[in-house]
Amino acid sequence: MADIRLLRDQFVNNKFTIDYGVNKRATFINVDEKFAGENSLGHVFRINIFTETFDNSGVKISADFSTSVIGIGDMIAGVFPVDENDVELLGQLLNFDNMERCVVRLYE
């Protein structure tokens, strides 16, 4: 398990990648898109969490997107407030505005 604190300075071209555990890599992708026109799509503002696992020779054996809802974890990753009393974050999407108040837990 690895706990990651994200900072804006880490992101280059809206992405940040880190190796963790044994043969694992996580990529954090900032998505900030507004959908114009007459639709109900609105505005997507979140950080997606994408993980990859490789064998010992470097061949990818799995890849998954994980939840980026604060307060929820799956068997891939979880996003939690740094301060457990910061309950206003629970249920929000991880994004550039709140990421420094969160820790991302990457499971092995």
Protein backbone atom coordinates (compact mmCIF):
# COMPACT_ATOMS: atom_id res chain seq x y z
CA MET A 1 0.00 0.00 0.00
CA ALA A 2 1.23 3.49 -0.83
CA ASP A 3 -0.25 6.80 0.31
CA ILE A 4 0.20 9.66 -2.17
CA ARG A 5 -0.34 13.37 -1.59
CA LEU A 6 -0.94 15.16 -4.89
CA LEU A 7 0.32 18.67 -5.63
CA ARG A 8 -0.38 20.82 -8.69
CA ASP A 9 3.35 21.19 -9.37
CA GLN A 10 3.59 17.43 -10.00
CA PHE A 11 1.27 17.60 -13.01
CA VAL A 12 2.75 18.12 -16.47
CA ASN A 13 0.26 18.44 -19.34
CA ASN A 14 -2.49 17.56 -16.85
CA LYS A 15 -0.88 14.21 -15.94
CA PHE A 16 1.26 12.86 -13.11
CA THR A 17 2.68 9.33 -13.07
CA ILE A 18 4.29 7.48 -10.18
CA ASP A 19 5.64 3.96 -9.75
CA TYR A 20 4.64 2.14 -6.57
CA GLY A 21 4.69 -1.33 -5.08
CA VAL A 22 6.05 -4.19 -7.16
CA ASN A 23 5.77 -3.47 -10.89
CA LYS A 24 2.88 -1.02 -10.53
CA ARG A 25 2.30 2.45 -11.94
CA ALA A 26 -0.42 5.01 -11.22
CA THR A 27 -1.27 7.89 -13.52
CA PHE A 28 -3.40 10.78 -12.30
CA ILE A 29 -5.17 12.62 -15.12
CA ASN A 30 -6.74 16.04 -14.59
CA VAL A 31 -9.94 16.38 -16.61
CA ASP A 32 -11.48 19.84 -16.87
CA GLU A 33 -13.97 19.99 -19.73
CA LYS A 34 -17.10 21.97 -20.36
CA PHE A 35 -19.62 20.68 -22.86
CA ALA A 36 -21.11 23.50 -24.88
CA GLY A 37 -24.48 23.53 -26.50
CA GLU A 38 -27.89 22.38 -25.43
CA ASN A 39 -27.13 19.24 -23.48
CA SER A 40 -27.09 18.08 -19.88
CA LEU A 41 -23.43 17.07 -19.86
CA GLY A 42 -22.30 20.24 -18.08
CA HIS A 43 -18.79 20.41 -16.68
CA VAL A 44 -16.43 17.53 -15.87
CA PHE A 45 -13.83 18.57 -13.29
CA ARG A 46 -12.01 15.64 -11.69
CA ILE A 47 -8.79 13.72 -11.43
CA ASN A 48 -9.00 10.22 -12.88
CA ILE A 49 -6.86 7.49 -11.32
CA PHE A 50 -5.45 4.93 -13.76
CA THR A 51 -3.28 2.04 -12.55
CA GLU A 52 -1.20 -0.49 -14.45
CA THR A 53 0.52 -3.71 -13.36
CA PHE A 54 3.48 -5.18 -15.21
CA ASP A 55 5.23 -8.54 -15.09
CA ASN A 56 8.95 -8.79 -14.31
CA SER A 57 9.87 -8.31 -17.97
CA GLY A 58 7.87 -5.07 -18.21
CA VAL A 59 4.86 -6.43 -20.10
CA LYS A 60 1.56 -4.90 -18.98
CA ILE A 61 -0.71 -7.54 -17.43
CA SER A 62 -3.57 -5.34 -16.22
CA ALA A 63 -4.86 -1.78 -16.31
CA ASP A 64 -7.76 -0.27 -14.40
CA PHE A 65 -9.45 3.02 -13.64
CA SER A 66 -10.31 3.50 -9.98
CA THR A 67 -12.80 5.62 -8.12
CA SER A 68 -11.97 9.26 -7.56
CA VAL A 69 -14.86 9.88 -5.16
CA ILE A 70 -13.52 11.12 -1.84
CA GLY A 71 -14.30 8.76 1.00
CA ILE A 72 -14.55 5.66 -1.20
CA GLY A 73 -11.99 3.00 -1.95
CA ASP A 74 -11.96 -0.11 -4.05
CA MET A 75 -9.33 -2.83 -4.29
CA ILE A 76 -7.26 -0.57 -6.58
CA ALA A 77 -7.22 2.84 -4.87
CA GLY A 78 -9.06 4.98 -2.37
CA VAL A 79 -9.31 8.72 -1.82
CA PHE A 80 -9.62 9.99 1.73
CA PRO A 81 -9.45 13.34 3.52
CA VAL A 82 -6.10 13.98 5.21
CA ASP A 83 -8.06 15.27 8.21
CA GLU A 84 -10.68 12.67 9.10
CA ASN A 85 -12.86 15.47 10.49
CA ASP A 86 -12.98 17.15 7.05
CA VAL A 87 -16.34 15.50 6.29
CA GLU A 88 -17.44 18.16 3.78
CA LEU A 89 -15.12 16.47 1.25
CA LEU A 90 -16.89 13.12 1.46
CA GLY A 91 -18.74 12.29 -1.76
CA GLN A 92 -16.99 14.99 -3.80
CA LEU A 93 -14.86 14.17 -6.83
CA LEU A 94 -11.11 14.52 -6.40
CA ASN A 95 -9.98 17.61 -8.36
CA PHE A 96 -7.34 20.35 -8.44
CA ASP A 97 -9.30 22.41 -5.90
CA ASN A 98 -9.42 19.74 -3.17
CA MET A 99 -6.56 17.32 -3.89
CA GLU A 100 -4.15 18.87 -1.39
CA ARG A 101 -6.68 18.11 1.37
CA CYS A 102 -6.72 14.43 0.37
CA VAL A 103 -4.54 11.36 0.36
CA VAL A 104 -4.75 8.75 -2.40
CA ARG A 105 -4.17 5.22 -1.13
CA LEU A 106 -2.86 2.84 -3.79
CA TYR A 107 -3.36 -0.83 -2.97
CA GLU A 108 -1.00 -3.58 -4.08
